[in-house]
Amino acid sequence: MQTTKLGCAAFCVLALGAVSTAQAEPLKIRGSWVAPVANWASIWLEKKDLAVHFGQSYVFESSRYAGTPPMITAMANNELEIGDLAYSTLPIAIENAGMDDLRVVADEFQDGAPGYRADDFQVLGDGPIQKVEDLKGKVIATNAAGSGVDVASRAMLRKHGLEANRDYTIVEAPFPGMRAMLAEKKVDIIPTVLPFALDPELKKIAHPLFSITDAIGVSQFAMWAMRKPFIDKNRAAIVDFMEDTMRIERWYLDPKNHDEVAQIASRITKQPPERFGWLFTKSDYYRNPDMRPDLDALQKNVDMTKDLGFVKASFDVKAHSDLSLIEEAAKRLK
């Protein structure tokens, strides 16, 4: 009997130890990105030495996606904690996919902010396309249906009386392959996002026809979104992650670090570092150093996505946001 009691006691001690170990495991946070260097998750781990909580309260992993729409499926299946969603895919996720618990938690970048870059759509310099109306009957390239550049191009063409499928054809292609498709005349216009927009070979053959700002005005083009149950369950660890992310972002944005930033970009993209003089300057997108998104711009962007028919209804963006995570993180860094 005594042996049995001792055995039970030992088992309980081991069980409690196992529970304690399990509880001590860092939270896994999986992030997403589309464009190298332009998206924070693509370069975050390059400066994980600045992340004081990494490996303690959380670990961070990042994965590349062809566009923001596939991230919705990944988040719905609990395969992704941070969706790097565009202004267009946020309402698709909430209204079409029924993910009403999605919350905007941080800025990624804003397109067309005064004094900063606005992405554009380019056509062949020696081609027949001189104005938007010339795209009737032509082939439009996009990275993914419903993505930010896709919705912007449809909005611009609608302004000029052209509708998808009726007046033009849309084909999907990855951003790295779009220059070749334009050069080979497989498509008539391509969206050019950083860093691909600054490809010297593209500059030789193409020129901008219109910009995203021309189409939709200033946009909260991309943002980080998380699901509310995950936030509620892991708030402390997520604030630690946001603190580290803010510290890393501010390092990248600091002009004194630009030479090292260019070297990092060179390693990731396999391009010479001298091509990245624009990176994190006013020739780049605007990124808020406190990671605060422009919710007023986002509201207009979401309303427009509804007007274009991608979703049946709009919604109150502020009700689907939780900025308390970045606000707490910012307080720690003051």
Protein backbone atom coordinates (compact mmCIF):
# COMPACT_ATOMS: atom_id res chain seq x y z
CA MET A 1 0.00 0.00 0.00
CA GLN A 2 2.84 2.37 0.92
CA THR A 3 4.60 1.59 -2.37
CA THR A 4 1.39 2.35 -4.27
CA LYS A 5 1.03 5.69 -2.49
CA LEU A 6 4.63 6.59 -3.26
CA GLY A 7 4.12 5.60 -6.88
CA CYS A 8 1.00 7.77 -7.14
CA ALA A 9 2.82 10.69 -5.56
CA ALA A 10 5.70 10.33 -7.98
CA PHE A 11 3.28 10.15 -10.90
CA CYS A 12 1.52 13.32 -9.74
CA VAL A 13 4.84 15.16 -9.45
CA LEU A 14 5.80 14.09 -12.97
CA ALA A 15 2.37 15.07 -14.31
CA LEU A 16 2.55 18.49 -12.71
CA GLY A 17 6.02 18.94 -14.11
CA ALA A 18 4.78 18.05 -17.58
CA VAL A 19 1.95 20.56 -17.29
CA SER A 20 4.35 23.25 -16.10
CA THR A 21 6.70 22.53 -19.02
CA ALA A 22 3.80 22.66 -21.47
CA GLN A 23 2.65 25.99 -20.09
CA ALA A 24 6.18 27.36 -20.36
CA GLU A 25 6.41 26.63 -24.09
CA PRO A 26 6.68 29.88 -26.07
CA LEU A 27 3.62 30.82 -28.08
CA LYS A 28 4.01 30.06 -31.79
CA ILE A 29 3.05 33.04 -33.95
CA ARG A 30 2.99 32.40 -37.69
CA GLY A 31 3.11 35.44 -39.94
CA SER A 32 2.67 35.88 -43.70
CA TRP A 33 4.06 37.94 -46.54
CA VAL A 34 3.76 38.39 -50.31
CA ALA A 35 6.49 40.76 -51.53
CA PRO A 36 10.06 40.40 -50.24
CA VAL A 37 11.39 43.36 -48.26
CA ALA A 38 8.12 45.30 -48.78
CA ASN A 39 6.42 43.10 -46.16
CA TRP A 40 7.79 43.10 -42.63
CA ALA A 41 7.46 39.34 -42.11
CA SER A 42 9.92 38.73 -44.96
CA ILE A 43 12.74 40.54 -43.11
CA TRP A 44 11.68 40.28 -39.45
CA LEU A 45 13.87 37.28 -38.65
CA GLU A 46 16.92 38.99 -40.14
CA LYS A 47 16.95 41.20 -37.03
CA LYS A 48 15.65 38.78 -34.44
CA ASP A 49 18.70 39.71 -32.35
CA LEU A 50 16.69 42.84 -31.44
CA ALA A 51 13.72 40.77 -30.26
CA VAL A 52 14.25 40.54 -26.50
CA HIS A 53 11.22 38.29 -25.92
CA PHE A 54 11.85 35.92 -28.86
CA GLY A 55 12.20 32.34 -27.65
CA GLN A 56 10.93 33.34 -24.21
CA SER A 57 7.23 34.17 -24.41
CA TYR A 58 6.84 33.50 -28.14
CA VAL A 59 8.54 32.30 -31.33
CA PHE A 60 7.86 33.76 -34.76
CA GLU A 61 7.72 31.97 -38.11
CA SER A 62 6.97 33.49 -41.51
CA SER A 63 5.64 32.04 -44.77
CA ARG A 64 5.28 33.46 -48.26
CA TYR A 65 1.92 33.51 -50.06
CA ALA A 66 1.19 34.33 -53.71
CA GLY A 67 -1.33 36.94 -52.59
CA THR A 68 -3.46 37.94 -49.65
CA PRO A 69 -6.61 35.90 -50.56
CA PRO A 70 -4.97 32.51 -49.76
CA MET A 71 -4.18 33.85 -46.29
CA ILE A 72 -7.91 33.88 -45.52
CA THR A 73 -8.11 30.10 -45.97
CA ALA A 74 -4.98 29.61 -43.88
CA MET A 75 -6.41 31.71 -41.03
CA ALA A 76 -9.76 29.93 -41.23
CA ASN A 77 -7.94 26.61 -40.86
CA ASN A 78 -5.81 27.88 -37.94
CA GLU A 79 -2.65 27.55 -40.04
CA LEU A 80 -1.75 31.22 -39.68
CA GLU A 81 -1.97 33.67 -36.78
CA ILE A 82 -1.15 36.93 -38.58
CA GLY A 83 -2.73 37.58 -41.95
CA ASP A 84 -0.92 40.31 -43.86
CA LEU A 85 -4.22 41.28 -45.45
CA ALA A 86 -4.93 43.95 -48.04
CA TYR A 87 -7.74 46.48 -47.69
CA SER A 88 -9.68 44.32 -50.17
CA THR A 89 -9.21 40.92 -48.53
CA LEU A 90 -10.13 42.10 -45.03
CA PRO A 91 -13.81 42.60 -46.01
CA ILE A 92 -13.78 39.40 -48.09
CA ALA A 93 -12.62 37.49 -45.00
CA ILE A 94 -15.17 39.12 -42.70
CA GLU A 95 -18.21 39.32 -44.99
CA ASN A 96 -17.72 36.39 -47.39
CA ALA A 97 -15.76 33.91 -45.30
CA GLY A 98 -17.70 34.65 -42.09
CA MET A 99 -14.59 35.49 -40.05
CA ASP A 100 -16.33 38.13 -37.96
CA ASP A 101 -13.72 37.72 -35.22
CA LEU A 102 -10.91 39.20 -37.35
CA ARG A 103 -9.27 42.26 -35.85
CA VAL A 104 -6.91 44.76 -37.50
CA VAL A 105 -3.98 44.97 -35.09
CA ALA A 106 -1.21 46.87 -36.90
CA ASP A 107 -0.13 48.83 -39.96
CA GLU A 108 1.92 47.15 -42.68
CA PHE A 109 2.13 50.01 -45.16
CA GLN A 110 0.04 52.78 -46.69
CA ASP A 111 0.02 53.43 -50.43
CA GLY A 112 -0.14 56.98 -51.77
CA ALA A 113 0.38 58.77 -48.45
CA PRO A 114 1.45 62.37 -49.17
CA GLY A 115 5.15 62.49 -50.02
CA TYR A 116 5.54 58.70 -50.31
CA ARG A 117 5.26 56.07 -53.02
CA ALA A 118 2.12 55.02 -54.84
CA ASP A 119 2.24 51.74 -56.77
CA ASP A 120 1.31 51.84 -60.44
CA PHE A 121 0.23 49.77 -63.41
CA GLN A 122 2.57 49.65 -66.40
CA VAL A 123 2.24 49.01 -70.12
CA LEU A 124 4.79 48.56 -72.90
CA GLY A 125 6.47 51.82 -73.83
CA ASP A 126 6.20 51.11 -77.56
CA GLY A 127 2.79 49.46 -77.33
CA PRO A 128 -0.68 50.65 -78.36
CA ILE A 129 -2.00 51.39 -74.85
CA GLN A 130 -1.94 55.16 -74.32
CA LYS A 131 -4.99 55.63 -72.10
CA VAL A 132 -7.22 53.49 -69.88
CA GLU A 133 -9.91 53.17 -72.56
CA ASP A 134 -7.36 51.41 -74.78
CA LEU A 135 -7.51 48.42 -72.43
CA LYS A 136 -10.87 47.36 -73.87
CA GLY A 137 -10.51 43.82 -75.19
CA LYS A 138 -7.08 43.45 -73.56
CA VAL A 139 -5.57 41.15 -70.93
CA ILE A 140 -4.96 42.51 -67.42
CA ALA A 141 -2.49 40.82 -65.07
CA THR A 142 -3.08 40.47 -61.34
CA ASN A 143 -1.41 38.45 -58.61
CA ALA A 144 -4.67 37.08 -57.16
CA ALA A 145 -8.37 37.79 -57.60
CA GLY A 146 -9.54 40.12 -54.83
CA SER A 147 -6.04 41.31 -53.93
CA GLY A 148 -5.32 44.98 -53.35
CA VAL A 149 -3.87 45.58 -56.81
CA ASP A 150 -6.67 43.57 -58.41
CA VAL A 151 -9.42 45.66 -56.83
CA ALA A 152 -7.58 48.90 -57.62
CA SER A 153 -7.26 48.01 -61.31
CA ARG A 154 -10.94 47.06 -61.54
CA ALA A 155 -11.89 50.33 -59.83
CA MET A 156 -9.85 52.37 -62.31
CA LEU A 157 -11.21 50.56 -65.34
CA ARG A 158 -14.77 50.95 -64.07
CA LYS A 159 -14.21 54.71 -63.86
CA HIS A 160 -13.58 54.53 -67.59
CA GLY A 161 -16.58 52.36 -68.40
CA LEU A 162 -14.82 49.00 -68.55
CA GLU A 163 -15.98 45.93 -66.63
CA ALA A 164 -14.10 42.68 -65.96
CA ASN A 165 -15.03 39.69 -68.16
CA ARG A 166 -17.26 41.88 -70.33
CA ASP A 167 -14.65 44.33 -71.62
CA TYR A 168 -11.34 42.74 -70.64
CA THR A 169 -9.80 39.50 -69.39
CA ILE A 170 -7.93 39.02 -66.10
CA VAL A 171 -5.13 36.48 -65.65
CA GLU A 172 -3.26 35.67 -62.45
CA ALA A 173 0.54 35.59 -62.28
CA PRO A 174 3.20 35.88 -59.55
CA PHE A 175 4.80 39.29 -59.21
CA PRO A 176 8.33 38.08 -60.13
CA GLY A 177 7.09 36.76 -63.50
CA MET A 178 5.04 39.77 -64.61
CA ARG A 179 7.80 41.67 -66.41
CA ALA A 180 8.44 38.69 -68.68
CA MET A 181 4.72 38.28 -69.39
CA LEU A 182 4.48 41.94 -70.40
CA ALA A 183 7.63 41.74 -72.53
CA GLU A 184 6.31 38.63 -74.30
CA LYS A 185 2.92 40.36 -74.82
CA LYS A 186 1.04 37.66 -72.94
CA VAL A 187 -0.63 40.47 -70.99
CA ASP A 188 -1.18 44.14 -71.81
CA ILE A 189 -0.75 45.73 -68.37
CA ILE A 190 0.82 44.64 -65.09
CA PRO A 191 0.69 45.91 -61.50
CA THR A 192 4.16 46.94 -60.36
CA VAL A 193 4.83 46.73 -56.64
CA LEU A 194 8.07 47.15 -54.76
CA PRO A 195 10.71 45.87 -55.20
CA PHE A 196 9.77 44.58 -58.68
CA ALA A 197 8.64 48.04 -59.84
CA LEU A 198 12.27 49.22 -59.79
CA ASP A 199 13.64 46.41 -61.95
CA PRO A 200 16.02 48.11 -64.45
CA GLU A 201 14.89 45.71 -67.19
CA LEU A 202 11.26 46.73 -66.63
CA LYS A 203 12.17 50.40 -66.91
CA LYS A 204 13.66 49.73 -70.36
CA ILE A 205 10.42 48.41 -71.81
CA ALA A 206 7.51 49.88 -69.83
CA HIS A 207 6.00 53.03 -68.37
CA PRO A 208 3.16 53.75 -65.90
CA LEU A 209 -0.39 54.16 -67.20
CA PHE A 210 -2.00 54.97 -63.83
CA SER A 211 -1.34 54.57 -60.12
CA ILE A 212 -3.29 52.97 -57.30
CA THR A 213 -3.81 56.46 -55.90
CA ASP A 214 -5.36 57.50 -59.22
CA ALA A 215 -7.74 54.57 -58.84
CA ILE A 216 -8.72 54.62 -55.17
CA GLY A 217 -6.93 57.47 -53.40
CA VAL A 218 -4.71 56.97 -50.33
CA SER A 219 -5.09 53.44 -49.03
CA GLN A 220 -4.28 51.48 -45.90
CA PHE A 221 -3.03 49.03 -48.46
CA ALA A 222 -1.85 46.26 -46.15
CA MET A 223 -2.28 45.54 -42.46
CA TRP A 224 -1.81 42.79 -39.92
CA ALA A 225 -4.97 41.02 -38.80
CA MET A 226 -5.48 38.43 -36.08
CA ARG A 227 -8.47 36.50 -34.76
CA LYS A 228 -10.00 37.73 -31.49
CA PRO A 229 -10.00 34.37 -29.61
CA PHE A 230 -6.25 34.05 -30.26
CA ILE A 231 -5.66 37.60 -29.02
CA ASP A 232 -7.79 37.09 -25.90
CA LYS A 233 -6.04 33.84 -25.01
CA ASN A 234 -2.47 35.06 -25.62
CA ARG A 235 -2.55 38.82 -25.08
CA ALA A 236 0.59 39.08 -22.93
CA ALA A 237 2.77 37.14 -25.36
CA ILE A 238 1.36 39.05 -28.34
CA VAL A 239 2.19 42.39 -26.71
CA ASP A 240 5.75 41.07 -26.21
CA PHE A 241 5.84 40.21 -29.91
CA MET A 242 4.51 43.63 -30.90
CA GLU A 243 7.10 45.33 -28.72
CA ASP A 244 9.87 43.39 -30.45
CA THR A 245 8.33 44.02 -33.87
CA MET A 246 8.13 47.74 -33.23
CA ARG A 247 11.77 47.75 -32.13
CA ILE A 248 12.77 45.88 -35.31
CA GLU A 249 10.68 48.12 -37.57
CA ARG A 250 12.15 51.28 -36.08
CA TRP A 251 15.63 49.89 -36.66
CA TYR A 252 14.85 49.33 -40.34
CA LEU A 253 13.32 52.81 -40.65
CA ASP A 254 16.33 54.54 -39.07
CA PRO A 255 18.42 56.16 -41.88
CA LYS A 256 21.67 55.43 -40.03
CA ASN A 257 21.11 51.70 -40.60
CA HIS A 258 20.43 52.01 -44.31
CA ASP A 259 23.65 50.38 -45.54
CA GLU A 260 23.02 47.26 -43.47
CA VAL A 261 19.36 47.28 -44.54
CA ALA A 262 20.46 47.27 -48.19
CA GLN A 263 22.70 44.27 -47.51
CA ILE A 264 19.80 42.39 -45.92
CA ALA A 265 17.56 43.22 -48.89
CA SER A 266 20.30 42.06 -51.25
CA ARG A 267 20.59 38.67 -49.54
CA ILE A 268 16.83 38.11 -49.63
CA THR A 269 16.21 39.20 -53.22
CA LYS A 270 19.55 38.16 -54.74
CA GLN A 271 19.92 41.66 -56.19
CA PRO A 272 22.85 44.09 -55.76
CA PRO A 273 22.60 46.20 -52.58
CA GLU A 274 23.00 49.42 -54.58
CA ARG A 275 19.51 48.85 -56.01
CA PHE A 276 17.97 49.54 -52.61
CA GLY A 277 18.74 53.22 -52.14
CA TRP A 278 14.96 53.84 -52.10
CA LEU A 279 14.21 51.36 -49.32
CA PHE A 280 12.54 52.87 -46.22
CA THR A 281 12.87 56.40 -47.61
CA LYS A 282 10.16 58.67 -49.02
CA SER A 283 10.54 56.80 -52.31
CA ASP A 284 9.06 53.82 -50.45
CA TYR A 285 5.61 53.24 -48.97
CA TYR A 286 4.69 55.03 -45.76
CA ARG A 287 5.03 52.90 -42.64
CA ASN A 288 3.91 54.23 -39.28
CA PRO A 289 6.74 53.88 -36.70
CA ASP A 290 4.14 53.10 -34.02
CA MET A 291 2.54 50.52 -36.36
CA ARG A 292 -0.72 52.49 -36.26
CA PRO A 293 -2.96 51.92 -39.30
CA ASP A 294 -4.98 54.70 -40.94
CA LEU A 295 -8.46 53.43 -40.08
CA ASP A 296 -10.21 56.34 -41.79
CA ALA A 297 -8.54 55.50 -45.11
CA LEU A 298 -9.24 51.82 -44.52
CA GLN A 299 -12.95 52.54 -44.03
CA LYS A 300 -13.10 54.23 -47.44
CA ASN A 301 -11.20 51.32 -48.98
CA VAL A 302 -13.59 48.76 -47.48
CA ASP A 303 -16.63 50.74 -48.64
CA MET A 304 -15.21 50.79 -52.16
CA THR A 305 -14.66 47.03 -52.13
CA LYS A 306 -18.36 46.67 -51.39
CA ASP A 307 -19.27 49.12 -54.16
CA LEU A 308 -17.29 47.00 -56.64
CA GLY A 309 -19.33 43.96 -55.66
CA PHE A 310 -16.66 41.88 -53.94
CA VAL A 311 -18.71 41.83 -50.73
CA LYS A 312 -22.42 42.35 -50.12
CA ALA A 313 -22.05 44.75 -47.21
CA SER A 314 -19.52 47.06 -45.62
CA PHE A 315 -18.82 47.26 -41.88
CA ASP A 316 -17.41 49.53 -39.20
CA VAL A 317 -13.64 49.13 -39.49
CA LYS A 318 -13.01 50.47 -35.97
CA ALA A 319 -15.26 47.79 -34.51
CA HIS A 320 -13.04 45.22 -36.20
CA SER A 321 -9.79 46.69 -34.90
CA ASP A 322 -7.78 46.18 -31.72
CA LEU A 323 -5.00 48.73 -31.45
CA SER A 324 -4.46 48.13 -27.75
CA LEU A 325 -1.64 45.67 -28.53
CA ILE A 326 0.50 48.21 -30.36
CA GLU A 327 -0.45 50.96 -27.93
CA GLU A 328 0.88 48.90 -25.00
CA ALA A 329 3.99 48.02 -27.00
CA ALA A 330 4.64 51.67 -27.84
CA LYS A 331 4.40 52.65 -24.16
CA ARG A 332 7.14 50.17 -23.31
CA LEU A 333 9.52 51.71 -25.84
CA LYS A 334 9.13 55.32 -24.67
